[in-house]
């Protein structure tokens, strides 16, 4: 995991997860997911609601600001 990917993971865990849960009490979790394949890496934020529905948001190459906008767009 690169330094930038670690920053995104920390940001999602420490800032975005609590914020999203505060604005939508039905959200169970917001997590950063890195899919590392042989030839490339993909970054996602997974939003899971208490009922079990999961929304995957593609964030590969996004800055923290862009990542935030992408996630907030679904609320």
N, C-alpha and C. Protein backbone atom coordinates (compact mmCIF):
# COMPACT_ATOMS: atom_id res chain seq x y z
N UNK A 1 0.85 -1.18 0.00
CA UNK A 1 0.00 0.00 0.00
C UNK A 1 0.90 1.24 0.00
N UNK A 2 0.61 2.15 -0.92
CA UNK A 2 1.40 3.37 -1.02
C UNK A 2 1.04 4.35 0.11
N UNK A 3 1.85 5.38 0.26
CA UNK A 3 1.60 6.41 1.27
C UNK A 3 0.26 7.11 0.99
N UNK A 4 -0.03 7.40 -0.28
CA UNK A 4 -1.30 8.05 -0.65
C UNK A 4 -2.49 7.15 -0.33
N UNK A 5 -2.36 5.87 -0.58
CA UNK A 5 -3.45 4.94 -0.27
C UNK A 5 -3.66 4.84 1.24
N UNK A 6 -2.58 4.86 2.00
CA UNK A 6 -2.69 4.85 3.46
C UNK A 6 -3.40 6.11 3.96
N UNK A 7 -3.08 7.26 3.35
CA UNK A 7 -3.76 8.52 3.72
C UNK A 7 -5.26 8.42 3.46
N UNK A 8 -5.63 7.84 2.33
CA UNK A 8 -7.05 7.67 2.01
C UNK A 8 -7.72 6.73 3.00
N UNK A 9 -7.07 5.63 3.31
CA UNK A 9 -7.63 4.67 4.27
C UNK A 9 -7.85 5.34 5.63
N UNK A 10 -6.86 6.08 6.11
CA UNK A 10 -6.98 6.79 7.39
C UNK A 10 -8.08 7.84 7.35
N UNK A 11 -8.16 8.59 6.26
CA UNK A 11 -9.17 9.62 6.10
C UNK A 11 -10.58 9.02 6.15
N UNK A 12 -10.78 7.94 5.41
CA UNK A 12 -12.10 7.30 5.39
C UNK A 12 -12.45 6.77 6.77
N UNK A 13 -11.50 6.11 7.43
CA UNK A 13 -11.75 5.51 8.74
C UNK A 13 -11.99 6.56 9.82
N UNK A 14 -11.16 7.58 9.86
CA UNK A 14 -11.20 8.53 10.97
C UNK A 14 -12.10 9.75 10.75
N UNK A 15 -12.32 10.13 9.50
CA UNK A 15 -13.09 11.34 9.22
C UNK A 15 -14.42 11.05 8.53
N UNK A 16 -14.36 10.33 7.43
CA UNK A 16 -15.55 10.14 6.61
C UNK A 16 -16.56 9.19 7.26
N UNK A 17 -16.11 8.09 7.82
CA UNK A 17 -17.01 7.12 8.45
C UNK A 17 -17.86 7.77 9.55
N UNK A 18 -17.25 8.45 10.53
CA UNK A 18 -18.09 9.07 11.57
C UNK A 18 -19.01 10.16 11.02
N UNK A 19 -18.53 10.93 10.04
CA UNK A 19 -19.34 11.99 9.46
C UNK A 19 -20.57 11.43 8.75
N UNK A 20 -20.37 10.41 7.92
CA UNK A 20 -21.50 9.81 7.20
C UNK A 20 -22.49 9.18 8.16
N UNK A 21 -22.00 8.51 9.19
CA UNK A 21 -22.90 7.91 10.19
C UNK A 21 -23.70 8.98 10.93
N UNK A 22 -23.12 10.15 11.09
CA UNK A 22 -23.82 11.25 11.75
C UNK A 22 -24.94 11.80 10.87
N UNK A 23 -24.72 11.87 9.55
CA UNK A 23 -25.75 12.43 8.68
C UNK A 23 -26.79 11.39 8.24
N UNK A 24 -26.45 10.11 8.36
CA UNK A 24 -27.41 9.04 8.02
C UNK A 24 -27.28 7.91 9.05
N UNK A 25 -28.21 7.87 9.98
CA UNK A 25 -28.14 6.89 11.07
C UNK A 25 -28.35 5.45 10.60
N UNK A 26 -28.75 5.26 9.35
CA UNK A 26 -28.92 3.91 8.82
C UNK A 26 -27.64 3.32 8.24
N UNK A 27 -26.57 4.10 8.21
CA UNK A 27 -25.28 3.60 7.69
C UNK A 27 -24.56 2.81 8.78
N UNK A 28 -24.15 1.61 8.43
CA UNK A 28 -23.43 0.75 9.38
C UNK A 28 -21.93 0.97 9.31
N UNK A 29 -21.39 1.17 8.08
CA UNK A 29 -19.95 1.37 7.95
C UNK A 29 -19.60 2.04 6.63
N UNK A 30 -18.45 2.71 6.66
CA UNK A 30 -17.86 3.32 5.47
C UNK A 30 -16.39 2.92 5.52
N UNK A 31 -15.94 2.12 4.55
CA UNK A 31 -14.56 1.63 4.60
C UNK A 31 -13.85 1.83 3.26
N UNK A 32 -12.55 1.96 3.34
CA UNK A 32 -11.67 2.03 2.17
C UNK A 32 -11.27 0.61 1.80
N UNK A 33 -11.31 0.29 0.53
CA UNK A 33 -10.93 -1.05 0.07
C UNK A 33 -9.97 -0.91 -1.11
N UNK A 34 -8.83 -1.55 -0.99
CA UNK A 34 -7.84 -1.61 -2.05
C UNK A 34 -7.86 -3.01 -2.64
N UNK A 35 -8.12 -3.10 -3.94
CA UNK A 35 -8.09 -4.38 -4.65
C UNK A 35 -6.79 -4.39 -5.44
N UNK A 36 -5.87 -5.24 -5.01
CA UNK A 36 -4.54 -5.30 -5.60
C UNK A 36 -4.44 -6.55 -6.47
N UNK A 37 -4.46 -6.33 -7.77
CA UNK A 37 -4.32 -7.45 -8.70
C UNK A 37 -2.87 -7.50 -9.19
N UNK A 38 -2.58 -8.44 -10.03
CA UNK A 38 -1.21 -8.60 -10.53
C UNK A 38 -0.76 -7.38 -11.33
N UNK A 39 -1.63 -6.82 -12.14
CA UNK A 39 -1.21 -5.76 -13.05
C UNK A 39 -1.66 -4.35 -12.67
N UNK A 40 -2.58 -4.20 -11.73
CA UNK A 40 -3.05 -2.87 -11.36
C UNK A 40 -3.75 -2.90 -10.00
N UNK A 41 -4.02 -1.72 -9.46
CA UNK A 41 -4.73 -1.59 -8.18
C UNK A 41 -5.99 -0.76 -8.40
N UNK A 42 -7.04 -1.13 -7.71
CA UNK A 42 -8.30 -0.39 -7.74
C UNK A 42 -8.65 0.03 -6.32
N UNK A 43 -9.14 1.25 -6.18
CA UNK A 43 -9.53 1.76 -4.87
C UNK A 43 -11.03 2.03 -4.86
N UNK A 44 -11.67 1.62 -3.77
CA UNK A 44 -13.10 1.82 -3.58
C UNK A 44 -13.38 2.29 -2.17
N UNK A 45 -14.51 2.95 -2.00
CA UNK A 45 -15.10 3.15 -0.69
C UNK A 45 -16.37 2.32 -0.69
N UNK A 46 -16.53 1.51 0.34
CA UNK A 46 -17.73 0.68 0.48
C UNK A 46 -18.60 1.27 1.58
N UNK A 47 -19.82 1.64 1.23
CA UNK A 47 -20.79 2.14 2.21
C UNK A 47 -21.79 1.02 2.43
N UNK A 48 -21.93 0.60 3.69
CA UNK A 48 -22.86 -0.47 4.04
C UNK A 48 -23.93 0.09 4.97
N UNK A 49 -25.18 -0.15 4.60
CA UNK A 49 -26.29 0.27 5.44
C UNK A 49 -26.68 -0.86 6.39
N UNK A 50 -27.35 -0.53 7.46
CA UNK A 50 -27.73 -1.51 8.49
C UNK A 50 -28.58 -2.64 7.94
N UNK A 51 -29.33 -2.40 6.89
CA UNK A 51 -30.14 -3.45 6.28
C UNK A 51 -29.36 -4.42 5.41
N UNK A 52 -28.05 -4.13 5.21
CA UNK A 52 -27.19 -5.04 4.44
C UNK A 52 -26.85 -4.56 3.04
N UNK A 53 -27.51 -3.52 2.56
CA UNK A 53 -27.22 -2.99 1.22
C UNK A 53 -25.82 -2.37 1.21
N UNK A 54 -25.04 -2.66 0.18
CA UNK A 54 -23.67 -2.13 0.06
C UNK A 54 -23.56 -1.36 -1.25
N UNK A 55 -22.98 -0.19 -1.15
CA UNK A 55 -22.73 0.63 -2.35
C UNK A 55 -21.22 0.77 -2.50
N UNK A 56 -20.69 0.42 -3.65
CA UNK A 56 -19.26 0.52 -3.94
C UNK A 56 -19.02 1.76 -4.78
N UNK A 57 -18.10 2.61 -4.32
CA UNK A 57 -17.79 3.86 -5.01
C UNK A 57 -16.33 3.81 -5.46
N UNK A 58 -16.13 3.92 -6.75
CA UNK A 58 -14.79 3.85 -7.36
C UNK A 58 -14.05 5.17 -7.09
N UNK A 59 -12.87 5.09 -6.46
CA UNK A 59 -12.13 6.31 -6.10
C UNK A 59 -10.66 6.25 -6.53
N UNK A 60 -10.29 5.34 -7.38
CA UNK A 60 -8.90 5.23 -7.83
C UNK A 60 -8.44 6.56 -8.42
N UNK A 61 -7.32 7.07 -7.91
CA UNK A 61 -6.75 8.31 -8.41
C UNK A 61 -7.34 9.57 -7.84
N UNK A 62 -8.38 9.46 -7.01
CA UNK A 62 -9.03 10.64 -6.43
C UNK A 62 -8.19 11.25 -5.31
N UNK A 63 -8.25 12.56 -5.21
CA UNK A 63 -7.70 13.26 -4.04
C UNK A 63 -8.69 13.06 -2.88
N UNK A 64 -8.31 13.49 -1.68
CA UNK A 64 -9.23 13.38 -0.55
C UNK A 64 -10.49 14.20 -0.79
N UNK A 65 -10.32 15.36 -1.40
CA UNK A 65 -11.46 16.22 -1.71
C UNK A 65 -12.39 15.54 -2.72
N UNK A 66 -11.83 14.99 -3.77
CA UNK A 66 -12.63 14.31 -4.79
C UNK A 66 -13.30 13.06 -4.21
N UNK A 67 -12.57 12.33 -3.40
CA UNK A 67 -13.11 11.14 -2.73
C UNK A 67 -14.33 11.53 -1.91
N UNK A 68 -14.23 12.60 -1.15
CA UNK A 68 -15.35 13.08 -0.32
C UNK A 68 -16.56 13.42 -1.17
N UNK A 69 -16.34 14.13 -2.27
CA UNK A 69 -17.45 14.50 -3.16
C UNK A 69 -18.12 13.26 -3.74
N UNK A 70 -17.32 12.28 -4.15
CA UNK A 70 -17.87 11.05 -4.73
C UNK A 70 -18.77 10.34 -3.71
N UNK A 71 -18.31 10.24 -2.48
CA UNK A 71 -19.08 9.54 -1.46
C UNK A 71 -20.33 10.34 -1.09
N UNK A 72 -20.18 11.61 -0.87
CA UNK A 72 -21.33 12.44 -0.47
C UNK A 72 -22.39 12.54 -1.55
N UNK A 73 -22.03 12.31 -2.78
CA UNK A 73 -22.98 12.37 -3.89
C UNK A 73 -24.14 11.38 -3.72
N UNK A 74 -23.91 10.28 -3.02
CA UNK A 74 -24.97 9.26 -2.88
C UNK A 74 -25.94 9.56 -1.75
N UNK A 75 -25.70 10.64 -0.99
CA UNK A 75 -26.59 10.96 0.13
C UNK A 75 -27.47 12.14 -0.16
